[in-house]
Amino acid sequence: MVAALDDFERGAFTPREMLALRFATTMAQDHHKLDDAFFGELRGHFTDAEIIELGMVTGQFIGFGRLVAALDLENPREPSTSP
């Protein structure tokens, strides 16, 4: 399933999982596209509490990814040999 994430809309995911992945992707790429219609679609599959949880977890991962990038931890350097 992890390998299918790059093309999740054609992957082996349930409609509910695909919607959660669309939510996470949209939050990461352009959160302004999360309009009332999208939240209406979410409410067709998730409770309000589940939507909040999806948003919080997604936000944590987005924030963690930005922190890793800001600290340049994506490309670890060779350990320093100087004292």
Protein backbone atom coordinates (compact mmCIF):
# COMPACT_ATOMS: atom_id res chain seq x y z
CA MET A 1 0.00 0.00 0.00
CA VAL A 2 2.89 2.37 0.70
CA ALA A 3 4.11 1.97 -2.88
CA ALA A 4 0.62 2.90 -4.11
CA LEU A 5 0.59 6.24 -2.27
CA ASP A 6 2.18 8.12 -5.18
CA ASP A 7 -0.88 7.34 -7.27
CA PHE A 8 -3.39 6.71 -4.49
CA GLU A 9 -6.47 7.48 -6.57
CA ARG A 10 -5.74 4.37 -8.64
CA GLY A 11 -4.35 2.32 -5.77
CA ALA A 12 -5.77 -0.34 -3.53
CA PHE A 13 -7.57 2.03 -1.18
CA THR A 14 -11.17 2.25 -0.08
CA PRO A 15 -13.15 5.37 -1.04
CA ARG A 16 -12.85 6.53 2.59
CA GLU A 17 -9.06 6.07 2.57
CA MET A 18 -8.76 7.88 -0.76
CA LEU A 19 -10.76 10.80 0.63
CA ALA A 20 -8.50 10.98 3.69
CA LEU A 21 -5.46 10.95 1.38
CA ARG A 22 -7.00 13.71 -0.77
CA PHE A 23 -7.58 15.73 2.40
CA ALA A 24 -3.96 15.29 3.52
CA THR A 25 -2.58 16.06 0.05
CA THR A 26 -4.70 19.17 -0.31
CA MET A 27 -3.73 20.38 3.16
CA ALA A 28 -0.06 19.97 2.24
CA GLN A 29 -0.23 21.45 -1.25
CA ASP A 30 -2.90 24.17 -1.15
CA HIS A 31 -5.11 24.26 1.94
CA HIS A 32 -7.15 27.12 0.43
CA LYS A 33 -8.79 24.53 -1.82
CA LEU A 34 -10.46 22.92 1.22
CA ASP A 35 -13.84 24.53 0.71
CA ASP A 36 -17.31 23.85 2.11
CA ALA A 37 -18.04 21.34 -0.65
CA PHE A 38 -14.94 19.32 0.24
CA PHE A 39 -15.81 19.34 3.94
CA GLY A 40 -19.33 18.25 2.99
CA GLU A 41 -17.79 15.31 1.16
CA LEU A 42 -15.63 14.51 4.20
CA ARG A 43 -18.69 14.59 6.46
CA GLY A 44 -20.24 11.94 4.26
CA HIS A 45 -17.50 9.52 5.35
CA PHE A 46 -16.12 10.86 8.65
CA THR A 47 -17.46 12.27 11.88
CA ASP A 48 -16.45 15.79 12.89
CA ALA A 49 -14.11 14.29 15.49
CA GLU A 50 -12.46 12.11 12.83
CA ILE A 51 -12.03 15.12 10.53
CA ILE A 52 -10.33 17.04 13.32
CA GLU A 53 -8.08 14.07 14.06
CA LEU A 54 -7.17 13.70 10.37
CA GLY A 55 -6.37 17.40 10.23
CA MET A 56 -4.28 17.35 13.40
CA VAL A 57 -2.24 14.31 12.36
CA THR A 58 -1.75 15.71 8.86
CA GLY A 59 -0.70 19.07 10.30
CA GLN A 60 1.82 17.39 12.57
CA PHE A 61 3.40 15.52 9.66
CA ILE A 62 3.47 18.65 7.49
CA GLY A 63 5.10 20.59 10.31
CA PHE A 64 7.60 17.82 11.00
CA GLY A 65 8.51 17.67 7.32
CA ARG A 66 9.09 21.42 7.21
CA LEU A 67 11.23 21.28 10.34
CA VAL A 68 13.34 18.49 8.83
CA ALA A 69 13.79 20.59 5.68
CA ALA A 70 14.58 23.77 7.63
CA LEU A 71 17.23 21.99 9.68
CA ASP A 72 18.57 20.33 6.52
CA LEU A 73 18.12 16.88 8.00
CA GLU A 74 16.98 15.40 4.69
CA ASN A 75 20.57 15.18 3.44
CA PRO A 76 22.69 14.12 6.38
CA ARG A 77 26.27 15.23 6.15
CA GLU A 78 29.30 13.10 6.84
CA PRO A 79 30.30 13.27 10.49
CA SER A 80 32.83 15.93 11.21
CA THR A 81 36.38 14.69 11.87
CA SER A 82 37.50 17.92 13.50
CA PRO A 83 37.76 17.97 17.32
